[in-house]
Amino acid sequence: MAVVLLPRSLLALFPGVERRHEVDGADVAAVIAALEGRVPGLRDRLVEDGPRLRPHINVFVAGVPADLRTSVGTDDTVHVIPAVSGG
């Protein structure tokens, strides 16, 4: 199973949800679908119509930038990282 690490900023919207999840999924879209089963509403925070990742959401699979079609191996780590802005 792939390991998914969610950002603390996103966890603030889902009290009680753990940062680390182990899920099955052949690609990023399937991983997000599996997470949605555990964290209802998460998909809407990550994906917009198209479907595609929201512009402020970055996903990395094994340290490489990814999109929804990127393959995910059983030993991969998937990081979800929101963009940060400010001044």
C-alpha atoms as a PDB file:
ATOM      1  CA  MET A   1       0.000   0.000   0.000  1.00  0.00           C
ATOM      2  CA  ALA A   2       1.114   3.533  -0.704  1.00  0.00           C
ATOM      3  CA  VAL A   3       1.627   5.919   2.194  1.00  0.00           C
ATOM      4  CA  VAL A   4      -0.159   9.265   1.888  1.00  0.00           C
ATOM      5  CA  LEU A   5       0.878  12.227   4.008  1.00  0.00           C
ATOM      6  CA  LEU A   6      -1.681  14.999   4.386  1.00  0.00           C
ATOM      7  CA  PRO A   7      -0.667  18.541   5.366  1.00  0.00           C
ATOM      8  CA  ARG A   8      -1.522  19.835   8.812  1.00  0.00           C
ATOM      9  CA  SER A   9      -3.263  22.841   7.251  1.00  0.00           C
ATOM     10  CA  LEU A  10      -5.728  20.493   5.562  1.00  0.00           C
ATOM     11  CA  LEU A  11      -6.163  18.385   8.691  1.00  0.00           C
ATOM     12  CA  ALA A  12      -7.462  21.461  10.501  1.00  0.00           C
ATOM     13  CA  LEU A  13     -10.596  21.146   8.334  1.00  0.00           C
ATOM     14  CA  PHE A  14     -11.105  17.508   9.351  1.00  0.00           C
ATOM     15  CA  PRO A  15     -10.719  17.201  13.148  1.00  0.00           C
ATOM     16  CA  GLY A  16      -9.551  13.820  14.344  1.00  0.00           C
ATOM     17  CA  VAL A  17      -8.134  12.733  10.989  1.00  0.00           C
ATOM     18  CA  GLU A  18      -4.616  11.311  11.039  1.00  0.00           C
ATOM     19  CA  ARG A  19      -1.840  12.785   8.911  1.00  0.00           C
ATOM     20  CA  ARG A  20      -0.591   9.416   7.614  1.00  0.00           C
ATOM     21  CA  HIS A  21      -2.730   6.950   5.652  1.00  0.00           C
ATOM     22  CA  GLU A  22      -1.944   3.685   3.887  1.00  0.00           C
ATOM     23  CA  VAL A  23      -4.166   3.184   0.845  1.00  0.00           C
ATOM     24  CA  ASP A  24      -4.341   1.173  -2.351  1.00  0.00           C
ATOM     25  CA  GLY A  25      -4.597   2.942  -5.681  1.00  0.00           C
ATOM     26  CA  ALA A  26      -3.056   2.525  -9.112  1.00  0.00           C
ATOM     27  CA  ASP A  27      -2.837   6.274  -9.683  1.00  0.00           C
ATOM     28  CA  VAL A  28      -3.280   9.545  -7.791  1.00  0.00           C
ATOM     29  CA  ALA A  29      -7.001   9.697  -8.671  1.00  0.00           C
ATOM     30  CA  ALA A  30      -7.564   6.233  -7.163  1.00  0.00           C
ATOM     31  CA  VAL A  31      -5.563   7.152  -4.064  1.00  0.00           C
ATOM     32  CA  ILE A  32      -7.714  10.255  -3.555  1.00  0.00           C
ATOM     33  CA  ALA A  33     -10.861   8.154  -4.055  1.00  0.00           C
ATOM     34  CA  ALA A  34      -9.640   5.726  -1.381  1.00  0.00           C
ATOM     35  CA  LEU A  35      -8.944   8.629   0.980  1.00  0.00           C
ATOM     36  CA  GLU A  36     -12.433  10.018   0.347  1.00  0.00           C
ATOM     37  CA  GLY A  37     -13.812   6.805   1.846  1.00  0.00           C
ATOM     38  CA  ARG A  38     -11.957   7.583   5.072  1.00  0.00           C
ATOM     39  CA  VAL A  39     -12.230  11.368   5.019  1.00  0.00           C
ATOM     40  CA  PRO A  40     -15.538  12.413   3.422  1.00  0.00           C
ATOM     41  CA  GLY A  41     -15.204  15.799   1.736  1.00  0.00           C
ATOM     42  CA  LEU A  42     -11.449  15.542   1.190  1.00  0.00           C
ATOM     43  CA  ARG A  43     -11.747  14.983  -2.554  1.00  0.00           C
ATOM     44  CA  ASP A  44     -13.606  18.289  -2.977  1.00  0.00           C
ATOM     45  CA  ARG A  45     -10.699  20.079  -1.282  1.00  0.00           C
ATOM     46  CA  LEU A  46      -8.158  18.502  -3.642  1.00  0.00           C
ATOM     47  CA  VAL A  47      -9.901  18.061  -7.006  1.00  0.00           C
ATOM     48  CA  GLU A  48     -11.971  20.372  -9.207  1.00  0.00           C
ATOM     49  CA  ASP A  49     -14.121  19.727 -12.269  1.00  0.00           C
ATOM     50  CA  GLY A  50     -12.224  18.326 -15.186  1.00  0.00           C
ATOM     51  CA  PRO A  51     -11.251  16.425 -13.132  1.00  0.00           C
ATOM     52  CA  ARG A  52      -7.916  17.934 -12.198  1.00  0.00           C
ATOM     53  CA  LEU A  53      -6.091  18.916  -9.047  1.00  0.00           C
ATOM     54  CA  ARG A  54      -7.061  22.311  -7.706  1.00  0.00           C
ATOM     55  CA  PRO A  55      -4.520  24.991  -8.714  1.00  0.00           C
ATOM     56  CA  HIS A  56      -3.296  25.476  -5.142  1.00  0.00           C
ATOM     57  CA  ILE A  57      -2.786  21.736  -4.482  1.00  0.00           C
ATOM     58  CA  ASN A  58       0.507  20.039  -5.301  1.00  0.00           C
ATOM     59  CA  VAL A  59       0.933  16.279  -5.180  1.00  0.00           C
ATOM     60  CA  PHE A  60       4.253  14.467  -5.242  1.00  0.00           C
ATOM     61  CA  VAL A  61       4.673  10.729  -5.764  1.00  0.00           C
ATOM     62  CA  ALA A  62       8.054   9.457  -4.605  1.00  0.00           C
ATOM     63  CA  GLY A  63       9.280  13.064  -4.633  1.00  0.00           C
ATOM     64  CA  VAL A  64       8.212  13.747  -8.232  1.00  0.00           C
ATOM     65  CA  PRO A  65       5.451  16.256  -9.144  1.00  0.00           C
ATOM     66  CA  ALA A  66       2.271  14.386 -10.067  1.00  0.00           C
ATOM     67  CA  ASP A  67      -1.208  14.818 -11.503  1.00  0.00           C
ATOM     68  CA  LEU A  68      -4.310  12.632 -11.200  1.00  0.00           C
ATOM     69  CA  ARG A  69      -3.051  10.177 -13.849  1.00  0.00           C
ATOM     70  CA  THR A  70       0.352   9.613 -12.268  1.00  0.00           C
ATOM     71  CA  SER A  71       0.935   5.977 -11.336  1.00  0.00           C
ATOM     72  CA  VAL A  72       1.355   5.122  -7.667  1.00  0.00           C
ATOM     73  CA  GLY A  73       3.340   2.061  -6.634  1.00  0.00           C
ATOM     74  CA  THR A  74       2.687   0.028  -3.512  1.00  0.00           C
ATOM     75  CA  ASP A  75       5.920   1.290  -1.937  1.00  0.00           C
ATOM     76  CA  ASP A  76       5.479   4.950  -2.923  1.00  0.00           C
ATOM     77  CA  THR A  77       4.934   7.869  -0.595  1.00  0.00           C
ATOM     78  CA  VAL A  78       2.412  10.461  -1.771  1.00  0.00           C
ATOM     79  CA  HIS A  79       2.678  13.983  -0.355  1.00  0.00           C
ATOM     80  CA  VAL A  80      -0.215  16.427  -0.648  1.00  0.00           C
ATOM     81  CA  ILE A  81       1.099  19.973  -0.312  1.00  0.00           C
ATOM     82  CA  PRO A  82      -1.043  23.107  -0.584  1.00  0.00           C
ATOM     83  CA  ALA A  83       0.499  26.270  -1.977  1.00  0.00           C
ATOM     84  CA  VAL A  84       1.368  28.894   0.606  1.00  0.00           C
ATOM     85  CA  SER A  85       1.139  32.590  -0.093  1.00  0.00           C
ATOM     86  CA  GLY A  86       1.341  35.769   1.841  1.00  0.00           C
ATOM     87  CA  GLY A  87       3.605  38.635   2.459  1.00  0.00           C
END
